[in-house]
Amino acid sequence: MSGQASIDKVAGPVGEALIMTAIGLAVAVPAVLGYNFLVRRNKSSMEEVRAFAADLHSVVLSGSMNKVAKK
């Protein structure tokens, strides 16, 4: 029942597997690069928001906004 595995029988599935691997890498590499770009951009945006929030918090706590508004 079990026959010899010849190169003709093995080459087809191996070739298909290699092609699918190449397609998978062609899709995965740009996806990872795009994800890293979006994460980096999000981190820098959140840092700007945190800096603005810290400035706003210090202005509200110091009351310097009230002094400017009274003049």
PDB file of N, CA and C in Angstrom:
ATOM      1  N   MET A   1       0.818  -1.196   0.000  1.00  0.00           N
ATOM      2  CA  MET A   1       0.000   0.000   0.000  1.00  0.00           C
ATOM      3  C   MET A   1       0.862   1.260   0.000  1.00  0.00           C
ATOM      4  N   SER A   2       1.897   1.263   0.835  1.00  0.00           N
ATOM      5  CA  SER A   2       2.723   2.461   0.880  1.00  0.00           C
ATOM      6  C   SER A   2       3.760   2.382  -0.223  1.00  0.00           C
ATOM      7  N   GLY A   3       3.711   3.345  -1.109  1.00  0.00           N
ATOM      8  CA  GLY A   3       4.619   3.354  -2.238  1.00  0.00           C
ATOM      9  C   GLY A   3       5.803   4.264  -1.989  1.00  0.00           C
ATOM     10  N   GLN A   4       6.694   4.246  -2.917  1.00  0.00           N
ATOM     11  CA  GLN A   4       7.864   5.116  -2.837  1.00  0.00           C
ATOM     12  C   GLN A   4       7.452   6.556  -3.158  1.00  0.00           C
ATOM     13  N   ALA A   5       7.984   7.481  -2.414  1.00  0.00           N
ATOM     14  CA  ALA A   5       7.730   8.895  -2.675  1.00  0.00           C
ATOM     15  C   ALA A   5       8.722   9.364  -3.727  1.00  0.00           C
ATOM     16  N   SER A   6       8.223   9.689  -4.883  1.00  0.00           N
ATOM     17  CA  SER A   6       9.115  10.153  -5.941  1.00  0.00           C
ATOM     18  C   SER A   6       9.125  11.674  -5.964  1.00  0.00           C
ATOM     19  N   ILE A   7      10.084  12.212  -6.652  1.00  0.00           N
ATOM     20  CA  ILE A   7      10.227  13.662  -6.733  1.00  0.00           C
ATOM     21  C   ILE A   7       9.018  14.299  -7.417  1.00  0.00           C
ATOM     22  N   ASP A   8       8.397  13.579  -8.314  1.00  0.00           N
ATOM     23  CA  ASP A   8       7.217  14.110  -9.007  1.00  0.00           C
ATOM     24  C   ASP A   8       6.039  14.288  -8.051  1.00  0.00           C
ATOM     25  N   LYS A   9       5.907  13.367  -7.107  1.00  0.00           N
ATOM     26  CA  LYS A   9       4.796  13.435  -6.160  1.00  0.00           C
ATOM     27  C   LYS A   9       5.036  14.489  -5.081  1.00  0.00           C
ATOM     28  N   VAL A  10       6.278  14.730  -4.746  1.00  0.00           N
ATOM     29  CA  VAL A  10       6.616  15.651  -3.653  1.00  0.00           C
ATOM     30  C   VAL A  10       6.787  17.084  -4.160  1.00  0.00           C
ATOM     31  N   ALA A  11       7.235  17.273  -5.370  1.00  0.00           N
ATOM     32  CA  ALA A  11       7.575  18.603  -5.877  1.00  0.00           C
ATOM     33  C   ALA A  11       6.359  19.522  -5.946  1.00  0.00           C
ATOM     34  N   GLY A  12       5.215  18.997  -6.330  1.00  0.00           N
ATOM     35  CA  GLY A  12       4.020  19.829  -6.453  1.00  0.00           C
ATOM     36  C   GLY A  12       3.594  20.459  -5.138  1.00  0.00           C
ATOM     37  N   PRO A  13       3.363  19.661  -4.091  1.00  0.00           N
ATOM     38  CA  PRO A  13       2.969  20.248  -2.795  1.00  0.00           C
ATOM     39  C   PRO A  13       4.038  21.145  -2.180  1.00  0.00           C
ATOM     40  N   VAL A  14       5.299  20.781  -2.343  1.00  0.00           N
ATOM     41  CA  VAL A  14       6.376  21.614  -1.803  1.00  0.00           C
ATOM     42  C   VAL A  14       6.420  22.954  -2.529  1.00  0.00           C
ATOM     43  N   GLY A  15       6.263  22.925  -3.837  1.00  0.00           N
ATOM     44  CA  GLY A  15       6.247  24.172  -4.608  1.00  0.00           C
ATOM     45  C   GLY A  15       5.078  25.058  -4.216  1.00  0.00           C
ATOM     46  N   GLU A  16       3.907  24.447  -4.012  1.00  0.00           N
ATOM     47  CA  GLU A  16       2.743  25.225  -3.581  1.00  0.00           C
ATOM     48  C   GLU A  16       2.968  25.834  -2.208  1.00  0.00           C
ATOM     49  N   ALA A  17       3.576  25.071  -1.314  1.00  0.00           N
ATOM     50  CA  ALA A  17       3.856  25.583   0.028  1.00  0.00           C
ATOM     51  C   ALA A  17       4.824  26.760  -0.026  1.00  0.00           C
ATOM     52  N   LEU A  18       5.821  26.675  -0.877  1.00  0.00           N
ATOM     53  CA  LEU A  18       6.777  27.777  -1.015  1.00  0.00           C
ATOM     54  C   LEU A  18       6.109  29.021  -1.590  1.00  0.00           C
ATOM     55  N   ILE A  19       5.229  28.837  -2.549  1.00  0.00           N
ATOM     56  CA  ILE A  19       4.511  29.978  -3.135  1.00  0.00           C
ATOM     57  C   ILE A  19       3.603  30.624  -2.099  1.00  0.00           C
ATOM     58  N   MET A  20       2.892  29.809  -1.310  1.00  0.00           N
ATOM     59  CA  MET A  20       2.012  30.352  -0.266  1.00  0.00           C
ATOM     60  C   MET A  20       2.816  31.068   0.817  1.00  0.00           C
ATOM     61  N   THR A  21       3.991  30.551   1.144  1.00  0.00           N
ATOM     62  CA  THR A  21       4.862  31.212   2.116  1.00  0.00           C
ATOM     63  C   THR A  21       5.310  32.571   1.597  1.00  0.00           C
ATOM     64  N   ALA A  22       5.680  32.644   0.328  1.00  0.00           N
ATOM     65  CA  ALA A  22       6.102  33.916  -0.262  1.00  0.00           C
ATOM     66  C   ALA A  22       4.945  34.917  -0.265  1.00  0.00           C
ATOM     67  N   ILE A  23       3.747  34.450  -0.598  1.00  0.00           N
ATOM     68  CA  ILE A  23       2.586  35.346  -0.588  1.00  0.00           C
ATOM     69  C   ILE A  23       2.291  35.824   0.830  1.00  0.00           C
ATOM     70  N   GLY A  24       2.393  34.909   1.791  1.00  0.00           N
ATOM     71  CA  GLY A  24       2.170  35.284   3.190  1.00  0.00           C
ATOM     72  C   GLY A  24       3.159  36.329   3.665  1.00  0.00           C
ATOM     73  N   LEU A  25       4.420  36.173   3.301  1.00  0.00           N
ATOM     74  CA  LEU A  25       5.427  37.167   3.677  1.00  0.00           C
ATOM     75  C   LEU A  25       5.189  38.499   2.971  1.00  0.00           C
ATOM     76  N   ALA A  26       4.758  38.427   1.716  1.00  0.00           N
ATOM     77  CA  ALA A  26       4.491  39.658   0.968  1.00  0.00           C
ATOM     78  C   ALA A  26       3.340  40.444   1.591  1.00  0.00           C
ATOM     79  N   VAL A  27       2.431  39.754   2.248  1.00  0.00           N
ATOM     80  CA  VAL A  27       1.316  40.435   2.914  1.00  0.00           C
ATOM     81  C   VAL A  27       1.708  40.850   4.324  1.00  0.00           C
ATOM     82  N   ALA A  28       2.446  40.009   5.036  1.00  0.00           N
ATOM     83  CA  ALA A  28       2.743  40.251   6.443  1.00  0.00           C
ATOM     84  C   ALA A  28       3.750  41.375   6.657  1.00  0.00           C
ATOM     85  N   VAL A  29       4.765  41.460   5.836  1.00  0.00           N
ATOM     86  CA  VAL A  29       5.808  42.474   6.050  1.00  0.00           C
ATOM     87  C   VAL A  29       5.249  43.897   5.915  1.00  0.00           C
ATOM     88  N   PRO A  30       4.505  44.245   4.867  1.00  0.00           N
ATOM     89  CA  PRO A  30       3.933  45.592   4.821  1.00  0.00           C
ATOM     90  C   PRO A  30       2.922  45.844   5.944  1.00  0.00           C
ATOM     91  N   ALA A  31       2.198  44.807   6.357  1.00  0.00           N
ATOM     92  CA  ALA A  31       1.240  44.975   7.450  1.00  0.00           C
ATOM     93  C   ALA A  31       1.959  45.330   8.746  1.00  0.00           C
ATOM     94  N   VAL A  32       3.061  44.675   9.026  1.00  0.00           N
ATOM     95  CA  VAL A  32       3.822  44.975  10.241  1.00  0.00           C
ATOM     96  C   VAL A  32       4.424  46.373  10.161  1.00  0.00           C
ATOM     97  N   LEU A  33       4.952  46.741   9.014  1.00  0.00           N
ATOM     98  CA  LEU A  33       5.522  48.085   8.862  1.00  0.00           C
ATOM     99  C   LEU A  33       4.449  49.160   9.025  1.00  0.00           C
ATOM    100  N   GLY A  34       3.277  48.929   8.448  1.00  0.00           N
ATOM    101  CA  GLY A  34       2.179  49.875   8.599  1.00  0.00           C
ATOM    102  C   GLY A  34       1.708  49.973  10.036  1.00  0.00           C
ATOM    103  N   TYR A  35       1.624  48.840  10.715  1.00  0.00           N
ATOM    104  CA  TYR A  35       1.222  48.837  12.124  1.00  0.00           C
ATOM    105  C   TYR A  35       2.224  49.620  12.968  1.00  0.00           C
ATOM    106  N   ASN A  36       3.514  49.380  12.752  1.00  0.00           N
ATOM    107  CA  ASN A  36       4.541  50.098  13.512  1.00  0.00           C
ATOM    108  C   ASN A  36       4.478  51.599  13.242  1.00  0.00           C
ATOM    109  N   PHE A  37       4.213  51.990  11.995  1.00  0.00           N
ATOM    110  CA  PHE A  37       4.080  53.411  11.672  1.00  0.00           C
ATOM    111  C   PHE A  37       2.906  54.033  12.426  1.00  0.00           C
ATOM    112  N   LEU A  38       1.767  53.349  12.426  1.00  0.00           N
ATOM    113  CA  LEU A  38       0.585  53.881  13.105  1.00  0.00           C
ATOM    114  C   LEU A  38       0.776  53.945  14.615  1.00  0.00           C
ATOM    115  N   VAL A  39       1.433  52.954  15.196  1.00  0.00           N
ATOM    116  CA  VAL A  39       1.689  52.967  16.635  1.00  0.00           C
ATOM    117  C   VAL A  39       2.627  54.112  16.994  1.00  0.00           C
ATOM    118  N   ARG A  40       3.669  54.316  16.185  1.00  0.00           N
ATOM    119  CA  ARG A  40       4.618  55.401  16.449  1.00  0.00           C
ATOM    120  C   ARG A  40       3.926  56.756  16.353  1.00  0.00           C
ATOM    121  N   ARG A  41       3.066  56.923  15.329  1.00  0.00           N
ATOM    122  CA  ARG A  41       2.342  58.184  15.167  1.00  0.00           C
ATOM    123  C   ARG A  41       1.373  58.405  16.322  1.00  0.00           C
ATOM    124  N   ASN A  42       0.728  57.343  16.776  1.00  0.00           N
ATOM    125  CA  ASN A  42      -0.201  57.449  17.891  1.00  0.00           C
ATOM    126  C   ASN A  42       0.525  57.829  19.177  1.00  0.00           C
ATOM    127  N   LYS A  43       1.698  57.249  19.390  1.00  0.00           N
ATOM    128  CA  LYS A  43       2.469  57.578  20.593  1.00  0.00           C
ATOM    129  C   LYS A  43       2.883  59.038  20.594  1.00  0.00           C
ATOM    130  N   SER A  44       3.315  59.566  19.455  1.00  0.00           N
ATOM    131  CA  SER A  44       3.733  60.970  19.413  1.00  0.00           C
ATOM    132  C   SER A  44       2.537  61.900  19.588  1.00  0.00           C
ATOM    133  N   SER A  45       1.392  61.521  19.040  1.00  0.00           N
ATOM    134  CA  SER A  45       0.184  62.336  19.229  1.00  0.00           C
ATOM    135  C   SER A  45      -0.242  62.341  20.688  1.00  0.00           C
ATOM    136  N   MET A  46      -0.192  61.182  21.323  1.00  0.00           N
ATOM    137  CA  MET A  46      -0.576  61.110  22.731  1.00  0.00           C
ATOM    138  C   MET A  46       0.402  61.878  23.613  1.00  0.00           C
ATOM    139  N   GLU A  47       1.662  61.920  23.226  1.00  0.00           N
ATOM    140  CA  GLU A  47       2.630  62.705  23.993  1.00  0.00           C
ATOM    141  C   GLU A  47       2.304  64.196  23.898  1.00  0.00           C
ATOM    142  N   GLU A  48       1.882  64.658  22.720  1.00  0.00           N
ATOM    143  CA  GLU A  48       1.466  66.051  22.571  1.00  0.00           C
ATOM    144  C   GLU A  48       0.227  66.346  23.408  1.00  0.00           C
ATOM    145  N   VAL A  49      -0.708  65.415  23.444  1.00  0.00           N
ATOM    146  CA  VAL A  49      -1.916  65.603  24.251  1.00  0.00           C
ATOM    147  C   VAL A  49      -1.560  65.645  25.738  1.00  0.00           C
ATOM    148  N   ARG A  50      -0.656  64.759  26.168  1.00  0.00           N
ATOM    149  CA  ARG A  50      -0.238  64.762  27.574  1.00  0.00           C
ATOM    150  C   ARG A  50       0.459  66.075  27.942  1.00  0.00           C
ATOM    151  N   ALA A  51       1.293  66.578  27.045  1.00  0.00           N
ATOM    152  CA  ALA A  51       1.987  67.848  27.317  1.00  0.00           C
ATOM    153  C   ALA A  51       0.978  68.995  27.412  1.00  0.00           C
ATOM    154  N   PHE A  52      -0.006  69.008  26.515  1.00  0.00           N
ATOM    155  CA  PHE A  52      -1.038  70.042  26.574  1.00  0.00           C
ATOM    156  C   PHE A  52      -1.839  69.927  27.864  1.00  0.00           C
ATOM    157  N   ALA A  53      -2.175  68.699  28.258  1.00  0.00           N
ATOM    158  CA  ALA A  53      -2.938  68.496  29.487  1.00  0.00           C
ATOM    159  C   ALA A  53      -2.141  68.955  30.702  1.00  0.00           C
ATOM    160  N   ALA A  54      -0.836  68.696  30.702  1.00  0.00           N
ATOM    161  CA  ALA A  54      -0.002  69.147  31.817  1.00  0.00           C
ATOM    162  C   ALA A  54       0.058  70.671  31.868  1.00  0.00           C
ATOM    163  N   ASP A  55       0.188  71.316  30.718  1.00  0.00           N
ATOM    164  CA  ASP A  55       0.196  72.781  30.677  1.00  0.00           C
ATOM    165  C   ASP A  55      -1.138  73.348  31.143  1.00  0.00           C
ATOM    166  N   LEU A  56      -2.217  72.769  30.678  1.00  0.00           N
ATOM    167  CA  LEU A  56      -3.551  73.228  31.070  1.00  0.00           C
ATOM    168  C   LEU A  56      -3.771  73.027  32.559  1.00  0.00           C
ATOM    169  N   HIS A  57      -3.322  71.901  33.081  1.00  0.00           N
ATOM    170  CA  HIS A  57      -3.467  71.624  34.508  1.00  0.00           C
ATOM    171  C   HIS A  57      -2.698  72.644  35.338  1.00  0.00           C
ATOM    172  N   SER A  58      -1.482  72.974  34.919  1.00  0.00           N
ATOM    173  CA  SER A  58      -0.697  73.948  35.679  1.00  0.00           C
ATOM    174  C   SER A  58      -1.311  75.335  35.606  1.00  0.00           C
ATOM    175  N   VAL A  59      -1.890  75.697  34.470  1.00  0.00           N
ATOM    176  CA  VAL A  59      -2.540  77.000  34.341  1.00  0.00           C
ATOM    177  C   VAL A  59      -3.779  77.065  35.223  1.00  0.00           C
ATOM    178  N   VAL A  60      -4.548  76.003  35.237  1.00  0.00           N
ATOM    179  CA  VAL A  60      -5.772  75.989  36.051  1.00  0.00           C
ATOM    180  C   VAL A  60      -5.425  76.021  37.527  1.00  0.00           C
ATOM    181  N   LEU A  61      -4.417  75.286  37.948  1.00  0.00           N
ATOM    182  CA  LEU A  61      -4.054  75.260  39.354  1.00  0.00           C
ATOM    183  C   LEU A  61      -3.411  76.567  39.811  1.00  0.00           C
ATOM    184  N   SER A  62      -2.644  77.184  38.952  1.00  0.00           N
ATOM    185  CA  SER A  62      -1.953  78.409  39.369  1.00  0.00           C
ATOM    186  C   SER A  62      -2.886  79.611  39.377  1.00  0.00           C
ATOM    187  N   GLY A  63      -3.960  79.559  38.634  1.00  0.00           N
ATOM    188  CA  GLY A  63      -4.887  80.669  38.598  1.00  0.00           C
ATOM    189  C   GLY A  63      -4.398  81.814  37.736  1.00  0.00           C
ATOM    190  N   SER A  64      -3.357  81.617  36.967  1.00  0.00           N
ATOM    191  CA  SER A  64      -2.822  82.711  36.160  1.00  0.00           C
ATOM    192  C   SER A  64      -3.791  83.090  35.055  1.00  0.00           C
ATOM    193  N   MET A  65      -4.697  82.238  34.694  1.00  0.00           N
ATOM    194  CA  MET A  65      -5.682  82.560  33.683  1.00  0.00           C
ATOM    195  C   MET A  65      -6.640  83.629  34.227  1.00  0.00           C
ATOM    196  N   ASN A  66      -6.961  83.546  35.516  1.00  0.00           N
ATOM    197  CA  ASN A  66      -7.849  84.548  36.118  1.00  0.00           C
ATOM    198  C   ASN A  66      -7.171  85.918  36.144  1.00  0.00           C
ATOM    199  N   LYS A  67      -5.876  85.940  36.387  1.00  0.00           N
ATOM    200  CA  LYS A  67      -5.148  87.207  36.418  1.00  0.00           C
ATOM    201  C   LYS A  67      -5.134  87.840  35.035  1.00  0.00           C
ATOM    202  N   VAL A  68      -4.983  87.058  34.009  1.00  0.00           N
ATOM    203  CA  VAL A  68      -4.958  87.574  32.650  1.00  0.00           C
ATOM    204  C   VAL A  68      -6.339  88.079  32.259  1.00  0.00           C
ATOM    205  N   ALA A  69      -7.372  87.388  32.665  1.00  0.00           N
ATOM    206  CA  ALA A  69      -8.736  87.772  32.303  1.00  0.00           C
ATOM    207  C   ALA A  69      -9.154  89.057  33.018  1.00  0.00           C
ATOM    208  N   LYS A  70      -8.660  89.332  34.236  1.00  0.00           N
ATOM    209  CA  LYS A  70      -9.038  90.525  34.986  1.00  0.00           C
ATOM    210  C   LYS A  70      -8.430  91.787  34.408  1.00  0.00           C
ATOM    211  N   LYS A  71      -7.297  91.696  33.755  1.00  0.00           N
ATOM    212  CA  LYS A  71      -6.618  92.883  33.209  1.00  0.00           C
ATOM    213  C   LYS A  71      -7.372  93.383  32.060  1.00  0.00           C
TER     214      LYS A  71
END
